[in-house]
N, C-alpha and C. Protein backbone atom coordinates (compact mmCIF):
# COMPACT_ATOMS: atom_id res chain seq x y z
N MET A 1 0.72 -1.27 0.11
CA MET A 1 -0.04 0.05 -0.04
C MET A 1 1.04 1.15 -0.08
N THR A 2 0.51 2.38 -0.90
CA THR A 2 1.30 3.33 -0.93
C THR A 2 0.81 4.33 -0.12
N PHE A 3 1.62 5.56 0.19
CA PHE A 3 0.86 6.30 0.85
C PHE A 3 -0.23 7.21 -0.05
N ALA A 4 -0.15 7.35 -1.06
CA ALA A 4 -1.24 8.14 -2.04
C ALA A 4 -2.74 7.32 -1.81
N THR A 5 -2.52 6.01 -1.53
CA THR A 5 -3.98 5.13 -1.69
C THR A 5 -4.47 4.99 -0.10
N SER A 6 -3.50 5.43 0.88
CA SER A 6 -4.11 5.39 2.37
C SER A 6 -4.60 6.71 3.07
N TYR A 7 -5.00 6.91 3.95
CA TYR A 7 -5.43 7.66 4.72
C TYR A 7 -4.95 7.88 6.11
N SER A 8 -5.05 9.11 6.73
CA SER A 8 -4.34 9.32 8.01
C SER A 8 -5.54 8.93 8.99
N TYR A 9 -5.35 8.24 10.02
CA TYR A 9 -6.28 8.19 10.61
C TYR A 9 -5.96 8.54 12.27
N SER A 10 -6.75 9.27 12.92
CA SER A 10 -6.25 9.85 14.16
C SER A 10 -7.33 9.11 15.30
N LYS A 11 -6.64 8.79 16.51
CA LYS A 11 -7.50 7.93 17.58
C LYS A 11 -8.32 9.05 17.73
N ARG A 12 -9.73 8.50 17.74
CA ARG A 12 -10.93 9.46 18.29
C ARG A 12 -11.60 8.62 19.85
N GLU A 13 -11.78 9.60 20.84
CA GLU A 13 -12.54 9.18 21.88
C GLU A 13 -13.79 8.61 21.42
N ILE A 14 -14.31 7.64 22.18
CA ILE A 14 -15.72 7.33 22.20
C ILE A 14 -16.65 8.19 22.53
N PHE A 15 -16.52 8.67 23.90
CA PHE A 15 -17.30 9.80 24.20
C PHE A 15 -16.96 11.00 24.30
N ASP A 16 -16.91 11.82 23.20
CA ASP A 16 -16.43 13.07 23.17
C ASP A 16 -17.71 14.03 23.53
N LEU A 17 -17.47 15.32 23.41
CA LEU A 17 -18.21 16.20 23.89
C LEU A 17 -19.27 16.40 22.82
N LYS A 18 -19.09 16.26 21.47
CA LYS A 18 -20.25 16.40 20.67
C LYS A 18 -20.99 15.49 20.49
N THR A 19 -20.67 13.74 20.90
CA THR A 19 -21.54 12.73 21.09
C THR A 19 -22.31 13.05 22.20
N LEU A 20 -21.81 13.28 23.65
CA LEU A 20 -22.27 13.36 24.76
C LEU A 20 -23.47 14.82 24.33
N LEU A 21 -23.41 15.61 23.59
CA LEU A 21 -24.30 16.66 23.87
C LEU A 21 -25.35 16.13 22.70
N LYS A 22 -25.09 15.24 21.76
CA LYS A 22 -26.13 14.62 21.06
C LYS A 22 -27.36 14.00 21.70
N ALA A 23 -26.68 13.24 22.90
CA ALA A 23 -27.36 12.12 23.62
C ALA A 23 -28.19 12.89 24.41
N ILE A 24 -27.76 13.76 25.16
CA ILE A 24 -28.43 14.78 25.79
C ILE A 24 -29.51 15.27 25.31
N ARG A 25 -29.31 15.94 24.05
CA ARG A 25 -30.47 16.48 23.28
C ARG A 25 -31.58 15.64 22.71
N PHE A 26 -31.01 14.37 22.69
CA PHE A 26 -31.80 13.14 22.27
C PHE A 26 -32.75 12.91 23.65
N ILE A 27 -32.44 12.96 24.48
CA ILE A 27 -33.08 12.58 25.87
C ILE A 27 -34.00 13.75 26.36
N ILE A 28 -33.48 14.86 26.46
CA ILE A 28 -34.44 16.03 26.46
C ILE A 28 -35.58 15.99 25.48
N VAL A 29 -35.30 15.90 24.34
CA VAL A 29 -36.53 16.15 23.31
C VAL A 29 -37.42 14.98 23.20
N ASN A 30 -36.58 13.44 23.67
CA ASN A 30 -37.89 12.81 23.76
C ASN A 30 -38.92 12.61 24.93
N SER A 31 -38.31 13.36 26.31
CA SER A 31 -38.87 13.61 27.28
C SER A 31 -39.87 14.50 27.31
N ILE A 32 -39.80 15.35 26.47
CA ILE A 32 -40.90 16.49 26.32
C ILE A 32 -41.80 15.72 25.31
N LEU A 33 -41.53 15.01 24.37
CA LEU A 33 -42.63 14.36 23.66
C LEU A 33 -43.33 13.21 24.33
N ALA A 34 -42.52 12.76 25.58
CA ALA A 34 -43.30 11.53 26.13
C ALA A 34 -44.12 12.30 26.97
N PHE A 35 -43.91 13.38 27.70
CA PHE A 35 -44.96 14.26 28.56
C PHE A 35 -45.95 14.47 27.90
N ILE A 36 -45.87 15.13 26.53
CA ILE A 36 -46.82 15.82 25.66
C ILE A 36 -47.83 14.40 25.58
N PHE A 37 -47.28 13.40 25.05
CA PHE A 37 -48.13 12.41 24.61
C PHE A 37 -48.82 11.60 26.14
N LEU A 38 -48.05 11.75 26.95
CA LEU A 38 -48.84 11.31 28.30
C LEU A 38 -50.00 12.23 28.84
N PHE A 39 -49.78 13.37 28.76
CA PHE A 39 -50.95 14.37 28.92
C PHE A 39 -51.93 14.40 28.05
N LEU A 40 -51.74 13.96 26.76
CA LEU A 40 -53.14 13.91 25.84
C LEU A 40 -53.57 12.70 26.09
N THR A 41 -52.82 11.54 26.69
CA THR A 41 -53.45 10.24 27.18
C THR A 41 -54.37 10.26 28.27
N VAL A 42 -53.76 11.12 29.37
CA VAL A 42 -54.62 11.50 30.43
C VAL A 42 -55.82 12.14 30.02
N GLU A 43 -55.75 13.19 29.35
CA GLU A 43 -56.85 14.03 28.92
C GLU A 43 -57.90 13.27 28.12
N GLU A 44 -57.39 12.57 27.44
CA GLU A 44 -58.57 11.53 26.55
C GLU A 44 -59.27 10.71 27.68
N PHE A 45 -58.70 10.20 28.71
CA PHE A 45 -59.51 9.35 29.48
C PHE A 45 -60.29 10.17 30.34
N GLU A 46 -59.66 11.32 30.83
CA GLU A 46 -60.58 12.21 31.93
C GLU A 46 -61.73 12.93 31.15
N TRP A 47 -61.76 12.71 29.98
CA TRP A 47 -62.97 13.26 29.13
C TRP A 47 -63.83 12.22 28.87
N ALA A 48 -63.63 10.90 28.74
CA ALA A 48 -64.15 10.03 28.87
C ALA A 48 -65.15 9.70 30.17
N LEU A 49 -64.24 9.83 31.11
CA LEU A 49 -64.87 9.57 32.63
C LEU A 49 -65.71 10.68 33.00
N PHE A 50 -65.56 12.09 32.91
CA PHE A 50 -66.50 13.35 32.78
C PHE A 50 -67.72 13.17 32.09
N SER A 51 -67.49 12.78 30.55
CA SER A 51 -68.60 12.59 29.96
C SER A 51 -69.66 11.63 30.34
N SER A 52 -69.15 10.46 30.85
CA SER A 52 -69.97 9.44 31.07
C SER A 52 -70.56 9.61 32.73
N ARG A 53 -69.93 10.12 33.56
CA ARG A 53 -70.54 10.68 34.93
C ARG A 53 -71.52 11.83 34.39
N GLU A 54 -71.34 12.83 33.61
CA GLU A 54 -72.39 13.92 33.46
C GLU A 54 -73.60 13.38 32.46
N GLY A 55 -73.37 12.20 31.87
CA GLY A 55 -74.12 11.81 31.07
C GLY A 55 -74.22 12.21 29.35
N ILE A 56 -73.35 13.21 28.85
CA ILE A 56 -73.21 14.17 27.80
C ILE A 56 -73.06 12.86 26.72
N THR A 57 -73.85 13.20 25.77
CA THR A 57 -73.78 12.19 24.88
C THR A 57 -73.49 12.90 23.24
N ASP A 58 -72.88 14.22 23.51
CA ASP A 58 -72.73 14.73 22.42
C ASP A 58 -71.31 13.86 21.25
N LYS A 59 -71.50 14.05 20.30
CA LYS A 59 -70.16 13.42 19.49
C LYS A 59 -69.26 14.75 19.46
N VAL A 60 -67.94 14.29 19.70
CA VAL A 60 -67.02 15.51 19.35
C VAL A 60 -66.04 14.93 18.04
N ILE A 61 -66.23 15.87 17.27
CA ILE A 61 -65.16 15.60 16.16
C ILE A 61 -64.25 16.48 16.43
N ASP A 62 -62.89 15.40 16.65
CA ASP A 62 -61.72 16.38 16.53
C ASP A 62 -60.69 16.03 15.52
N GLU A 63 -60.42 16.93 14.68
CA GLU A 63 -59.77 16.53 13.42
C GLU A 63 -58.50 17.34 13.46
N THR A 64 -57.95 17.57 14.76
CA THR A 64 -56.59 18.21 14.85
C THR A 64 -55.54 17.33 15.05
N SER A 65 -54.46 17.45 14.87
CA SER A 65 -53.06 16.86 14.70
C SER A 65 -52.72 16.33 16.27
N TRP A 66 -53.62 17.02 17.20
CA TRP A 66 -52.84 16.61 18.56
C TRP A 66 -53.91 15.39 18.98
N ASN A 67 -55.08 15.38 18.41
CA ASN A 67 -55.74 14.25 18.64
C ASN A 67 -55.25 13.08 19.09
N ILE A 68 -55.41 12.50 20.10
CA ILE A 68 -54.78 10.88 20.52
C ILE A 68 -55.01 9.85 19.31
N LYS A 69 -55.97 9.79 18.94
CA LYS A 69 -56.52 8.86 18.35
C LYS A 69 -56.00 8.75 16.75
N THR A 70 -55.53 10.00 16.43
CA THR A 70 -54.87 10.44 15.21
C THR A 70 -53.43 10.23 15.47
N LEU A 71 -53.05 10.14 16.68
CA LEU A 71 -51.46 9.88 16.99
C LEU A 71 -51.21 8.36 17.29
N ILE A 72 -52.08 7.74 17.32
CA ILE A 72 -52.03 5.88 17.36
C ILE A 72 -52.44 5.65 16.39
């Protein structure tokens, strides 16, 4: 193998600062999304319980992107 066809390789640490920041960002973003999804799920159950207790029989049509049924 000649020098022209080879490349220089410098040893790189497995856990450098850039990788650590990407991991922290990934955890934070997914935690926020999990909290939103949990809130939407609890709100859906809460509305089902409330409407059954109060005897509300209205049909609610929710076409928003935040609807739990469209997310699942």
